[in-house]
Amino acid sequence: MLDDSRRILDLAEEKSLTLDEEVCRKARTELTTPNLRLAAELAWLPGLSPVKTDALISALQDRGVSPSDDPAAPSLVRINVMSVPFWHDDRTATSQFARYSAEKAADFILHFSHLVAAVDPEEVRRDINNYRRLSGFSEIQGIDQIEAELSILWRKYVDNFKEALNTMPPAALVESMARAVRSDTSRGEKQASLFLDQLVDVYQDETKVFLQGEIDKISTLLKSARALAPKGPAAVSPTVANLEAVVRNWVKVAEPIQLSLKSRGIDHDLSQQIAFGIRSLGVDLFNEHDFLDQSQRITKLLQQLFAYVPEVVARVDEDAKTIRSIAEKRERAADDFAEWARSITYQTEVGLLFKEKLAISPDGIEWHGKHVPLASISQVRWGGVSHSVNGIPTGSTYTIGVRDGYSETVISLKDNAKYSAFLACLWKAVCVRLMSEILAALRAGQHLQVGDVVLTDTGVTLTKHNVFAANERVFCDWSQIKIWSANGSFVIGSKSDKKVHSALPYLTTFNVHIVEQLIRLNFKTPSKTLSSLLEPG
């Protein structure tokens, strides 16, 4: 860099005897024309003394130089030293990168990128001008030309890195880029060095064909999963597993791009396209087929693989909250059902000599070999009768009747403990449901006939018992009645007229126990309508 134009001309003439004359002419022109000379100066070792320059060149020829050999050297010098293998005709860098592990290649890329970011154009201008004053070439007045030429040099180095990286095994290439970008962006939280962003842009162009091809595979799998969904979750599961494998591989290649673009505040369109396509499948599997497990699996996959795509993260996180809430409600419902199932399950044997099985469970009631599903039961009755001989108690018999739409099943017992245990289960298993159904029917404007009593939402129609005339039907609202039990019957009467009353025998009247419970509950919190019991609180 200290040689003047005359010295360069002499050297070019001398070299033309052994090298291609055109090559020598081109080099001479570049080195003697101030504007063209700058590119060569920048790619050389500006800022290094002649003695150190000679020593460095000898070291490079003898053993090669690692980037950390001289941390005191100017950043541009160290960059150019790291780039020496790229310029060799035998492509030493190519074979060098082919042998690198992903970790070593990532470290090389990061170190190179950080050195590029550390180059100070003003410092470079000063170093080059120091040489130009001694060699007789015109000095550079501003940094604009320095910055422009440096941009061209960085682009050349990006292209060289691309060629070198392409010699690595594909998996190692992808991992080296991912490692470098993860580190430099703090997983997308801060922008990478400019050189690394430029390298990622080239990587994005190089991988575009692969990524687009895999999108076609993913689209096919999404269609297949939808087609299989009507056959049940077991049919869909293998396709979802295949989809997961393909998407994981796709994201592994796309991750450096996702991170780099996120750090620059740019959306990765292909990632959004894939993520929202997969999300749509998860939503459809849940909304149309109630596949909660598959939907959760897809949501977790999206959260894991597209964590560096902000728009996707926001949408999928909302999905995850919704699905988690639904899953928790179902889990609580399952726990509640399990507890309910335990509370209504009872089994015993009835009879002294010939045993009969009596059982109740979520599956239904079993008695005398007959099975009655719980959901089919629409009416119930029960009661006990005490027996005596000559005033001496001889025991009691207990009767329980359940009716479905076709017939009645009558259970007779003599053991009060078994009777009480079975009734407790029957109440939870059937009567609570019947209470809700009766209230809902009354609210809808229907009436309920129980014995000679007619119930509506606002009151009851009772019988007025006349001595010398025909009995009459009298309506009383809920505030006008009173209730009591007498002679094995539930009695409803008018508060103001003793003749107005109706008796409903417990043992023979269907659903009388349920009606009694509803009226008693309404008395605790008086209301004009019985169906107000359906309201919370």
Protein backbone atom coordinates (compact mmCIF):
# COMPACT_ATOMS: atom_id res chain seq x y z
CA MET A 1 0.00 0.00 0.00
CA LEU A 2 3.06 2.26 0.18
CA ASP A 3 3.92 1.72 -3.52
CA ASP A 4 3.34 4.66 -5.82
CA SER A 5 1.87 4.38 -9.32
CA ARG A 6 5.31 4.00 -10.99
CA ARG A 7 6.18 1.04 -8.77
CA ILE A 8 2.84 -0.59 -9.53
CA LEU A 9 3.36 -0.18 -13.28
CA ASP A 10 6.81 -1.79 -13.06
CA LEU A 11 5.46 -4.71 -11.01
CA ALA A 12 2.57 -5.23 -13.43
CA GLU A 13 4.95 -5.33 -16.36
CA GLU A 14 7.17 -7.80 -14.55
CA LYS A 15 4.28 -10.09 -13.58
CA SER A 16 2.85 -10.06 -17.10
CA LEU A 17 5.80 -12.25 -18.14
CA THR A 18 4.55 -15.11 -15.93
CA LEU A 19 0.83 -14.36 -15.47
CA ASP A 20 -2.02 -13.67 -17.84
CA GLU A 21 -1.40 -10.25 -19.38
CA GLU A 22 -5.06 -9.25 -19.17
CA VAL A 23 -5.17 -10.12 -15.48
CA CYS A 24 -2.09 -7.95 -14.88
CA ARG A 25 -3.53 -5.07 -16.89
CA LYS A 26 -6.78 -5.18 -14.93
CA ALA A 27 -4.94 -5.25 -11.60
CA ARG A 28 -2.73 -2.34 -12.66
CA THR A 29 -5.75 -0.26 -13.64
CA GLU A 30 -7.55 -0.99 -10.38
CA LEU A 31 -4.51 -0.13 -8.25
CA THR A 32 -3.55 3.09 -10.04
CA THR A 33 -7.06 4.58 -10.40
CA PRO A 34 -7.94 6.23 -7.01
CA ASN A 35 -11.65 5.45 -7.15
CA LEU A 36 -11.06 1.83 -8.20
CA ARG A 37 -8.14 1.43 -5.82
CA LEU A 38 -10.36 1.84 -2.75
CA ALA A 39 -12.01 -1.59 -3.18
CA ALA A 40 -8.59 -3.26 -3.16
CA GLU A 41 -7.44 -1.23 -0.17
CA LEU A 42 -10.52 -2.19 1.83
CA ALA A 43 -10.06 -5.87 1.01
CA TRP A 44 -6.40 -5.75 2.08
CA LEU A 45 -4.99 -4.95 5.54
CA PRO A 46 -5.52 -1.22 6.12
CA GLY A 47 -4.15 0.07 9.42
CA LEU A 48 -1.48 -2.62 9.76
CA SER A 49 2.20 -1.62 9.56
CA PRO A 50 4.34 -3.06 6.73
CA VAL A 51 6.28 -5.20 9.21
CA LYS A 52 3.11 -6.66 10.74
CA THR A 53 1.60 -7.11 7.29
CA ASP A 54 4.60 -9.19 6.13
CA ALA A 55 4.52 -11.25 9.32
CA LEU A 56 0.79 -11.89 8.98
CA ILE A 57 1.08 -12.98 5.37
CA SER A 58 3.88 -15.39 6.26
CA ALA A 59 1.79 -16.80 9.11
CA LEU A 60 -1.18 -17.27 6.79
CA GLN A 61 0.96 -19.13 4.27
CA ASP A 62 2.57 -21.32 6.92
CA ARG A 63 -0.34 -22.34 9.14
CA GLY A 64 -3.42 -20.19 8.60
CA VAL A 65 -4.64 -17.66 11.13
CA SER A 66 -7.61 -17.95 13.43
CA PRO A 67 -9.85 -14.91 13.95
CA SER A 68 -8.63 -14.46 17.52
CA ASP A 69 -4.88 -14.46 16.75
CA ASP A 70 -4.54 -10.67 17.01
CA PRO A 71 -7.47 -9.04 18.82
CA ALA A 72 -5.60 -5.73 18.81
CA ALA A 73 -5.68 -5.53 15.01
CA PRO A 74 -8.31 -3.29 13.36
CA SER A 75 -11.68 -4.99 12.82
CA LEU A 76 -11.45 -4.72 9.02
CA VAL A 77 -8.04 -6.40 9.05
CA ARG A 78 -9.38 -9.28 11.13
CA ILE A 79 -12.40 -9.62 8.81
CA ASN A 80 -10.18 -9.83 5.75
CA VAL A 81 -7.90 -12.36 7.45
CA MET A 82 -10.95 -14.54 8.23
CA SER A 83 -11.97 -14.17 4.57
CA VAL A 84 -8.64 -15.28 3.09
CA PRO A 85 -9.82 -18.86 2.46
CA PHE A 86 -12.82 -17.52 0.49
CA TRP A 87 -10.53 -15.98 -2.11
CA HIS A 88 -8.42 -19.07 -2.84
CA ASP A 89 -8.96 -20.77 -6.15
CA ASP A 90 -8.92 -24.16 -4.46
CA ARG A 91 -11.84 -23.00 -2.30
CA THR A 92 -10.12 -23.80 0.98
CA ALA A 93 -13.08 -22.25 2.78
CA THR A 94 -15.39 -24.66 1.06
CA SER A 95 -13.59 -27.72 2.35
CA GLN A 96 -13.08 -25.97 5.68
CA PHE A 97 -16.80 -25.33 6.27
CA ALA A 98 -17.68 -28.82 5.07
CA ARG A 99 -15.73 -30.15 8.05
CA TYR A 100 -17.15 -27.69 10.60
CA SER A 101 -19.64 -28.73 13.21
CA ALA A 102 -22.80 -26.65 13.44
CA GLU A 103 -21.52 -25.07 16.66
CA LYS A 104 -18.15 -24.11 15.15
CA ALA A 105 -19.73 -22.72 11.98
CA ALA A 106 -22.17 -20.65 14.08
CA ASP A 107 -19.31 -19.25 16.16
CA PHE A 108 -17.44 -18.33 12.98
CA ILE A 109 -20.51 -16.56 11.54
CA LEU A 110 -21.18 -14.70 14.78
CA HIS A 111 -17.58 -13.57 15.19
CA PHE A 112 -17.44 -12.40 11.59
CA SER A 113 -20.76 -10.55 11.90
CA HIS A 114 -19.72 -8.77 15.08
CA LEU A 115 -16.43 -7.68 13.52
CA VAL A 116 -18.33 -6.25 10.55
CA ALA A 117 -20.53 -4.30 12.95
CA ALA A 118 -17.43 -2.97 14.72
CA VAL A 119 -15.85 -1.46 11.59
CA ASP A 120 -15.68 2.33 11.89
CA PRO A 121 -15.73 3.95 8.40
CA GLU A 122 -14.00 7.08 9.71
CA GLU A 123 -11.22 5.01 11.22
CA VAL A 124 -10.83 3.10 7.94
CA ARG A 125 -10.67 6.40 6.00
CA ARG A 126 -7.93 7.65 8.29
CA ASP A 127 -5.86 4.47 7.92
CA ILE A 128 -6.15 4.45 4.12
CA ASN A 129 -5.32 8.15 3.86
CA ASN A 130 -2.18 7.59 5.93
CA TYR A 131 -0.97 5.21 3.22
CA ARG A 132 -2.15 7.40 0.33
CA ARG A 133 -0.19 10.39 1.59
CA LEU A 134 2.95 8.25 1.47
CA SER A 135 2.16 6.55 -1.86
CA GLY A 136 1.09 9.73 -3.62
CA PHE A 137 -2.54 8.88 -4.28
CA SER A 138 -5.28 11.43 -3.61
CA GLU A 139 -6.85 11.22 -0.19
CA ILE A 140 -10.50 10.31 0.46
CA GLN A 141 -12.37 13.36 1.72
CA GLY A 142 -15.54 11.84 3.24
CA ILE A 143 -16.85 8.50 4.48
CA ASP A 144 -19.66 8.15 1.92
CA GLN A 145 -17.37 6.43 -0.57
CA ILE A 146 -15.95 4.24 2.22
CA GLU A 147 -19.43 3.17 3.30
CA ALA A 148 -20.52 2.41 -0.27
CA GLU A 149 -17.46 0.27 -0.97
CA LEU A 150 -17.77 -1.51 2.37
CA SER A 151 -21.37 -2.42 1.50
CA ILE A 152 -20.13 -3.99 -1.75
CA LEU A 153 -17.42 -5.87 0.17
CA TRP A 154 -19.92 -7.17 2.74
CA ARG A 155 -22.15 -8.40 -0.07
CA LYS A 156 -19.24 -10.32 -1.58
CA TYR A 157 -18.55 -11.90 1.80
CA VAL A 158 -22.24 -12.83 2.17
CA ASP A 159 -22.10 -14.60 -1.20
CA ASN A 160 -18.91 -16.38 -0.16
CA PHE A 161 -20.51 -17.52 3.07
CA LYS A 162 -23.46 -18.85 1.09
CA GLU A 163 -21.19 -20.99 -1.07
CA ALA A 164 -19.24 -22.23 1.93
CA LEU A 165 -22.37 -23.07 3.93
CA ASN A 166 -23.83 -24.97 1.00
CA THR A 167 -20.99 -27.47 1.26
CA MET A 168 -22.12 -28.47 4.76
CA PRO A 169 -24.58 -31.32 5.33
CA PRO A 170 -28.09 -29.77 5.20
CA ALA A 171 -28.87 -30.51 8.85
CA ALA A 172 -25.59 -28.95 9.99
CA LEU A 173 -26.16 -25.90 7.77
CA VAL A 174 -29.63 -25.31 9.20
CA GLU A 175 -28.46 -25.82 12.78
CA SER A 176 -25.46 -23.48 12.34
CA MET A 177 -27.73 -20.70 11.05
CA ALA A 178 -30.26 -21.31 13.82
CA ARG A 179 -27.55 -21.21 16.50
CA ALA A 180 -26.10 -17.99 15.14
CA VAL A 181 -29.45 -16.20 14.85
CA ARG A 182 -30.71 -17.43 18.23
CA SER A 183 -27.60 -16.07 19.91
CA ASP A 184 -27.37 -12.77 18.05
CA THR A 185 -31.07 -11.88 18.45
CA SER A 186 -31.54 -13.30 21.96
CA ARG A 187 -34.22 -15.51 20.40
CA GLY A 188 -35.77 -12.67 18.45
CA GLU A 189 -35.80 -10.06 21.22
CA LYS A 190 -33.14 -7.76 19.69
CA GLN A 191 -32.02 -7.11 16.14
CA ALA A 192 -29.10 -9.07 14.79
CA SER A 193 -25.99 -7.52 13.29
CA LEU A 194 -26.55 -6.20 9.77
CA PHE A 195 -24.24 -8.76 8.18
CA LEU A 196 -26.09 -11.68 9.78
CA ASP A 197 -29.45 -10.26 8.65
CA GLN A 198 -28.08 -10.10 5.11
CA LEU A 199 -26.89 -13.70 5.40
CA VAL A 200 -30.35 -14.75 6.63
CA ASP A 201 -31.94 -13.03 3.64
CA VAL A 202 -29.75 -15.14 1.34
CA TYR A 203 -30.61 -18.23 3.41
CA GLN A 204 -34.31 -17.39 2.97
CA ASP A 205 -33.90 -17.26 -0.82
CA GLU A 206 -31.97 -20.55 -0.81
CA THR A 207 -34.59 -22.40 1.25
CA LYS A 208 -37.68 -20.96 -0.43
CA VAL A 209 -38.16 -23.89 -2.82
CA PHE A 210 -37.88 -26.44 0.00
CA LEU A 211 -40.22 -24.56 2.33
CA GLN A 212 -42.83 -24.08 -0.38
CA GLY A 213 -42.65 -27.74 -1.33
CA GLU A 214 -43.24 -28.79 2.27
CA ILE A 215 -46.23 -26.45 2.46
CA ASP A 216 -47.84 -28.51 -0.29
CA LYS A 217 -47.30 -31.66 1.81
CA ILE A 218 -48.80 -29.95 4.84
CA SER A 219 -51.85 -28.84 2.85
CA THR A 220 -52.41 -32.44 1.72
CA LEU A 221 -52.23 -33.70 5.31
CA LEU A 222 -54.67 -31.01 6.48
CA LYS A 223 -57.19 -32.11 3.84
CA SER A 224 -56.69 -35.75 4.79
CA ALA A 225 -57.29 -35.04 8.49
CA ARG A 226 -60.55 -33.26 7.71
CA ALA A 227 -61.70 -36.11 5.48
CA LEU A 228 -60.97 -38.68 8.20
CA ALA A 229 -62.51 -36.71 11.09
CA PRO A 230 -66.06 -38.13 10.69
CA LYS A 231 -64.61 -41.60 11.37
CA GLY A 232 -63.49 -40.60 14.85
CA PRO A 233 -60.34 -39.45 16.68
CA ALA A 234 -58.54 -42.77 16.21
CA ALA A 235 -58.76 -42.35 12.44
CA VAL A 236 -57.41 -38.80 12.56
CA SER A 237 -54.56 -39.42 15.02
CA PRO A 238 -52.01 -40.98 12.58
CA THR A 239 -52.49 -38.12 10.12
CA VAL A 240 -52.02 -35.54 12.87
CA ALA A 241 -48.84 -37.36 13.91
CA ASN A 242 -47.54 -37.21 10.32
CA LEU A 243 -48.51 -33.56 10.14
CA GLU A 244 -46.58 -32.85 13.32
CA ALA A 245 -43.44 -34.54 11.95
CA VAL A 246 -43.54 -32.57 8.69
CA VAL A 247 -44.20 -29.26 10.45
CA ARG A 248 -41.38 -29.83 12.95
CA ASN A 249 -38.97 -30.38 10.08
CA TRP A 250 -40.34 -27.31 8.26
CA VAL A 251 -39.96 -25.06 11.29
CA LYS A 252 -36.44 -26.34 11.91
CA VAL A 253 -35.46 -24.94 8.50
CA ALA A 254 -37.55 -21.78 8.90
CA GLU A 255 -36.46 -20.92 12.45
CA PRO A 256 -33.48 -18.68 11.47
CA ILE A 257 -35.81 -16.72 9.18
CA GLN A 258 -38.52 -16.46 11.84
CA LEU A 259 -36.07 -15.15 14.45
CA SER A 260 -34.38 -12.68 12.14
CA LEU A 261 -37.65 -11.25 10.86
CA LYS A 262 -39.14 -11.07 14.36
CA SER A 263 -36.12 -9.09 15.56
CA ARG A 264 -36.70 -6.67 12.65
CA GLY A 265 -40.43 -6.38 13.35
CA ILE A 266 -41.39 -8.18 10.14
CA ASP A 267 -43.91 -11.02 9.78
CA HIS A 268 -42.84 -14.26 8.12
CA ASP A 269 -45.72 -14.80 5.72
CA LEU A 270 -45.05 -18.50 5.08
CA SER A 271 -44.99 -19.25 8.81
CA GLN A 272 -48.29 -17.44 9.28
CA GLN A 273 -49.79 -19.31 6.33
CA ILE A 274 -48.84 -22.68 7.77
CA ALA A 275 -49.66 -21.87 11.39
CA PHE A 276 -53.12 -20.49 10.68
CA GLY A 277 -53.88 -23.41 8.36
CA ILE A 278 -53.03 -25.86 11.15
CA ARG A 279 -54.91 -23.74 13.69
CA SER A 280 -57.99 -23.89 11.48
CA LEU A 281 -57.81 -27.69 11.55
CA GLY A 282 -57.61 -27.70 15.35
CA VAL A 283 -60.62 -25.38 15.61
CA ASP A 284 -62.65 -27.52 13.20
CA LEU A 285 -61.77 -30.77 14.96
CA PHE A 286 -63.09 -29.31 18.20
CA ASN A 287 -66.08 -27.30 16.98
CA GLU A 288 -67.39 -29.84 14.47
CA HIS A 289 -66.28 -33.16 16.00
CA ASP A 290 -65.57 -32.38 19.69
CA PHE A 291 -62.01 -33.80 19.47
CA LEU A 292 -60.67 -31.97 22.51
CA ASP A 293 -57.48 -34.03 22.82
CA GLN A 294 -56.50 -33.56 19.17
CA SER A 295 -57.28 -29.85 19.36
CA GLN A 296 -55.10 -29.49 22.46
CA ARG A 297 -52.30 -31.40 20.74
CA ILE A 298 -52.40 -29.06 17.74
CA THR A 299 -52.51 -25.95 19.93
CA LYS A 300 -49.49 -27.07 21.96
CA LEU A 301 -47.64 -27.84 18.73
CA LEU A 302 -48.30 -24.34 17.41
CA GLN A 303 -47.25 -22.73 20.69
CA GLN A 304 -43.99 -24.67 20.64
CA LEU A 305 -43.04 -24.35 16.98
CA PHE A 306 -44.25 -20.85 16.14
CA ALA A 307 -43.14 -19.06 19.29
CA TYR A 308 -41.11 -16.63 17.16
CA VAL A 309 -44.07 -15.49 15.02
CA PRO A 310 -45.84 -12.80 17.12
CA GLU A 311 -49.17 -12.78 15.26
CA VAL A 312 -49.45 -16.56 15.56
CA VAL A 313 -48.47 -16.52 19.23
CA ALA A 314 -51.22 -14.04 20.11
CA ARG A 315 -53.96 -16.03 18.35
CA VAL A 316 -52.83 -19.44 19.55
CA ASP A 317 -52.41 -18.29 23.15
CA GLU A 318 -56.07 -17.24 23.13
CA ASP A 319 -57.00 -20.63 21.70
CA ALA A 320 -54.99 -22.34 24.42
CA LYS A 321 -56.79 -20.39 27.16
CA THR A 322 -60.17 -21.28 25.70
CA ILE A 323 -59.33 -24.96 25.29
CA ARG A 324 -57.79 -25.12 28.77
CA SER A 325 -60.94 -23.62 30.27
CA ILE A 326 -63.12 -26.13 28.41
CA ALA A 327 -60.87 -29.01 29.43
CA GLU A 328 -60.99 -27.90 33.07
CA LYS A 329 -64.78 -27.67 32.98
CA ARG A 330 -64.99 -31.13 31.46
CA GLU A 331 -62.59 -32.47 34.03
CA ARG A 332 -64.68 -30.98 36.81
CA ALA A 333 -67.80 -32.38 35.17
CA ALA A 334 -66.15 -35.79 34.94
CA ASP A 335 -65.20 -35.58 38.62
CA ASP A 336 -68.72 -34.48 39.50
CA PHE A 337 -70.18 -37.33 37.46
CA ALA A 338 -67.85 -39.83 39.12
CA GLU A 339 -68.92 -38.56 42.54
CA TRP A 340 -72.58 -38.65 41.49
CA ALA A 341 -72.14 -42.17 40.13
CA ARG A 342 -70.65 -43.32 43.44
CA SER A 343 -73.45 -41.68 45.39
CA ILE A 344 -76.25 -43.41 43.45
CA THR A 345 -74.68 -46.86 43.23
CA TYR A 346 -76.20 -49.47 45.52
CA GLN A 347 -76.64 -53.22 45.34
CA THR A 348 -78.18 -55.74 47.72
CA GLU A 349 -79.96 -59.09 47.82
CA VAL A 350 -83.58 -59.44 48.81
CA GLY A 351 -85.25 -62.59 50.16
CA LEU A 352 -84.52 -65.27 52.72
CA LEU A 353 -84.43 -68.44 50.66
CA PHE A 354 -84.49 -67.30 47.06
CA LYS A 355 -82.29 -64.26 46.69
CA GLU A 356 -83.20 -61.51 44.25
CA LYS A 357 -80.70 -58.87 43.15
CA LEU A 358 -81.72 -55.24 43.66
CA ALA A 359 -79.34 -52.67 42.22
CA ILE A 360 -79.20 -49.06 41.10
CA SER A 361 -76.34 -47.36 39.28
CA PRO A 362 -75.80 -44.94 36.37
CA ASP A 363 -76.70 -47.85 34.09
CA GLY A 364 -80.19 -48.08 35.61
CA ILE A 365 -82.25 -50.17 38.02
CA GLU A 366 -82.17 -53.97 38.16
CA TRP A 367 -84.93 -55.98 39.81
CA HIS A 368 -86.24 -59.45 39.10
CA GLY A 369 -84.00 -59.66 36.06
CA LYS A 370 -85.52 -56.52 34.56
CA HIS A 371 -83.40 -53.50 33.62
CA VAL A 372 -84.85 -49.97 33.68
CA PRO A 373 -82.60 -47.16 32.35
CA LEU A 374 -82.56 -44.12 34.63
CA ALA A 375 -83.28 -41.69 31.79
CA SER A 376 -86.46 -43.55 30.85
CA ILE A 377 -88.07 -43.15 34.29
CA SER A 378 -90.73 -40.42 34.33
CA GLN A 379 -92.72 -41.26 37.47
CA VAL A 380 -91.91 -42.59 40.93
CA ARG A 381 -93.84 -43.52 44.05
CA TRP A 382 -92.99 -45.11 47.35
CA GLY A 383 -94.27 -45.72 50.86
CA GLY A 384 -94.44 -48.16 53.74
CA VAL A 385 -97.24 -50.02 55.52
CA SER A 386 -96.97 -51.26 59.10
CA HIS A 387 -98.64 -54.58 59.99
CA SER A 388 -99.93 -55.94 63.31
CA VAL A 389 -101.93 -58.85 64.71
CA ASN A 390 -104.18 -58.18 67.66
CA GLY A 391 -102.40 -54.85 68.13
CA ILE A 392 -99.00 -56.44 68.16
CA PRO A 393 -96.65 -55.07 65.43
CA THR A 394 -95.57 -57.80 63.04
CA GLY A 395 -93.37 -55.71 60.75
CA SER A 396 -93.65 -53.41 57.77
CA THR A 397 -93.61 -53.73 54.02
CA TYR A 398 -92.11 -51.08 51.78
CA THR A 399 -93.03 -50.46 48.17
CA ILE A 400 -91.19 -48.51 45.50
CA GLY A 401 -92.65 -48.04 42.03
CA VAL A 402 -90.87 -46.62 38.99
CA ARG A 403 -92.58 -46.11 35.64
CA ASP A 404 -91.09 -45.55 32.22
CA GLY A 405 -93.05 -44.94 29.04
CA TYR A 406 -94.19 -48.56 28.80
CA SER A 407 -94.65 -50.17 32.20
CA GLU A 408 -94.19 -49.95 35.94
CA THR A 409 -91.60 -51.83 37.97
CA VAL A 410 -92.66 -52.47 41.57
CA ILE A 411 -90.06 -53.27 44.24
CA SER A 412 -91.25 -54.79 47.53
CA LEU A 413 -89.00 -54.86 50.59
CA LYS A 414 -89.27 -55.69 54.26
CA ASP A 415 -85.90 -54.39 55.38
CA ASN A 416 -86.10 -50.69 56.29
CA ALA A 417 -82.33 -50.21 55.97
CA LYS A 418 -82.30 -51.52 52.41
CA TYR A 419 -85.42 -49.50 51.60
CA SER A 420 -83.85 -46.28 52.94
CA ALA A 421 -80.52 -46.90 51.19
CA PHE A 422 -82.19 -47.57 47.84
CA LEU A 423 -84.46 -44.50 48.16
CA ALA A 424 -81.48 -42.24 48.91
CA CYS A 425 -79.88 -43.37 45.66
CA LEU A 426 -83.14 -43.14 43.72
CA TRP A 427 -83.66 -39.55 44.85
CA LYS A 428 -80.25 -38.42 43.51
CA ALA A 429 -80.43 -40.59 40.43
CA VAL A 430 -83.96 -39.80 39.24
CA CYS A 431 -85.96 -37.44 41.44
CA VAL A 432 -83.62 -34.46 41.18
CA ARG A 433 -83.86 -34.68 37.39
CA LEU A 434 -87.65 -35.00 37.52
CA MET A 435 -87.86 -31.89 39.71
CA SER A 436 -85.97 -29.85 37.08
CA GLU A 437 -88.06 -31.27 34.25
CA ILE A 438 -91.33 -30.46 36.06
CA LEU A 439 -90.23 -26.89 36.77
CA ALA A 440 -89.12 -26.39 33.16
CA ALA A 441 -92.49 -27.69 31.91
CA LEU A 442 -94.42 -25.40 34.27
CA ARG A 443 -92.33 -22.42 33.14
CA ALA A 444 -93.19 -23.30 29.53
CA GLY A 445 -96.91 -22.98 30.37
CA GLN A 446 -97.73 -26.68 30.81
CA HIS A 447 -99.69 -28.15 33.73
CA LEU A 448 -99.05 -31.27 35.81
CA GLN A 449 -101.76 -33.69 36.97
CA VAL A 450 -100.90 -35.45 40.26
CA GLY A 451 -103.85 -37.40 41.65
CA ASP A 452 -106.76 -34.95 41.57
CA VAL A 453 -104.44 -31.96 41.91
CA VAL A 454 -103.50 -29.87 38.87
CA LEU A 455 -100.32 -27.83 39.21
CA THR A 456 -99.42 -24.79 37.12
CA ASP A 457 -96.54 -22.39 37.55
CA THR A 458 -98.67 -19.94 39.53
CA GLY A 459 -100.68 -22.29 41.75
CA VAL A 460 -102.81 -25.43 42.15
CA THR A 461 -106.37 -26.49 41.42
CA LEU A 462 -107.90 -28.33 44.41
CA THR A 463 -111.24 -29.94 45.23
CA LYS A 464 -113.88 -28.19 47.32
CA HIS A 465 -115.81 -30.86 49.22
CA ASN A 466 -119.49 -29.89 49.56
CA VAL A 467 -121.95 -31.82 51.72
CA PHE A 468 -125.19 -31.09 49.89
CA ALA A 469 -123.84 -30.23 46.47
CA ALA A 470 -121.40 -31.55 43.95
CA ASN A 471 -117.77 -30.99 44.66
CA GLU A 472 -116.12 -28.01 42.95
CA ARG A 473 -112.66 -27.27 41.49
CA VAL A 474 -110.99 -24.24 43.03
CA PHE A 475 -107.72 -22.56 41.97
CA CYS A 476 -105.37 -21.25 44.66
CA ASP A 477 -102.14 -19.44 44.11
CA TRP A 478 -99.09 -20.41 46.13
CA SER A 479 -99.70 -17.80 48.80
CA GLN A 480 -103.22 -19.14 49.45
CA ILE A 481 -102.37 -22.74 50.37
CA LYS A 482 -101.03 -24.73 53.26
CA ILE A 483 -99.70 -28.29 53.32
CA TRP A 484 -99.51 -31.16 55.80
CA SER A 485 -99.29 -34.95 56.02
CA ALA A 486 -102.11 -37.16 57.32
CA ASN A 487 -103.05 -40.85 57.11
CA GLY A 488 -100.23 -41.67 54.72
CA SER A 489 -101.11 -38.82 52.36
CA PHE A 490 -99.72 -35.47 51.38
CA VAL A 491 -102.49 -32.90 51.77
CA ILE A 492 -102.79 -29.49 50.11
CA GLY A 493 -105.50 -27.17 51.41
CA SER A 494 -106.74 -23.62 51.22
CA LYS A 495 -105.77 -21.29 54.04
CA SER A 496 -109.16 -19.57 53.97
CA ASP A 497 -111.59 -22.43 53.26
CA LYS A 498 -111.38 -25.74 55.13
CA LYS A 499 -113.53 -27.45 52.51
CA VAL A 500 -110.91 -26.87 49.82
CA HIS A 501 -108.28 -29.58 50.03
CA SER A 502 -106.88 -32.59 48.18
CA ALA A 503 -105.11 -35.63 49.63
CA LEU A 504 -102.45 -37.50 47.63
CA PRO A 505 -101.55 -40.93 49.08
CA TYR A 506 -97.79 -41.35 49.14
CA LEU A 507 -97.85 -45.04 48.35
CA THR A 508 -100.09 -44.95 45.30
CA THR A 509 -99.67 -41.48 43.78
CA PHE A 510 -96.86 -41.02 41.31
CA ASN A 511 -94.51 -38.08 41.85
CA VAL A 512 -96.26 -36.90 45.01
CA HIS A 513 -92.95 -36.84 46.93
CA ILE A 514 -91.44 -34.61 44.23
CA VAL A 515 -94.39 -32.20 44.27
CA GLU A 516 -94.22 -31.98 48.05
CA GLN A 517 -90.51 -31.14 47.94
CA LEU A 518 -91.04 -28.42 45.32
CA ILE A 519 -93.83 -26.77 47.30
CA ARG A 520 -91.84 -26.89 50.54
CA LEU A 521 -88.85 -25.31 48.78
CA ASN A 522 -91.10 -22.55 47.45
CA PHE A 523 -92.41 -21.87 50.96
CA LYS A 524 -88.82 -21.26 52.15
CA THR A 525 -88.36 -18.49 49.59
CA PRO A 526 -91.91 -17.48 48.66
CA SER A 527 -92.48 -16.64 45.01
CA LYS A 528 -95.47 -16.18 42.73
CA THR A 529 -94.15 -18.89 40.39
CA LEU A 530 -92.87 -22.33 41.24
CA SER A 531 -90.37 -22.23 38.36
CA SER A 532 -88.48 -19.40 40.08
CA LEU A 533 -86.75 -22.26 41.92
CA LEU A 534 -84.76 -22.74 38.72
CA GLU A 535 -83.13 -19.34 39.12
CA PRO A 536 -79.69 -19.33 40.78
CA GLY A 537 -79.27 -17.97 44.27
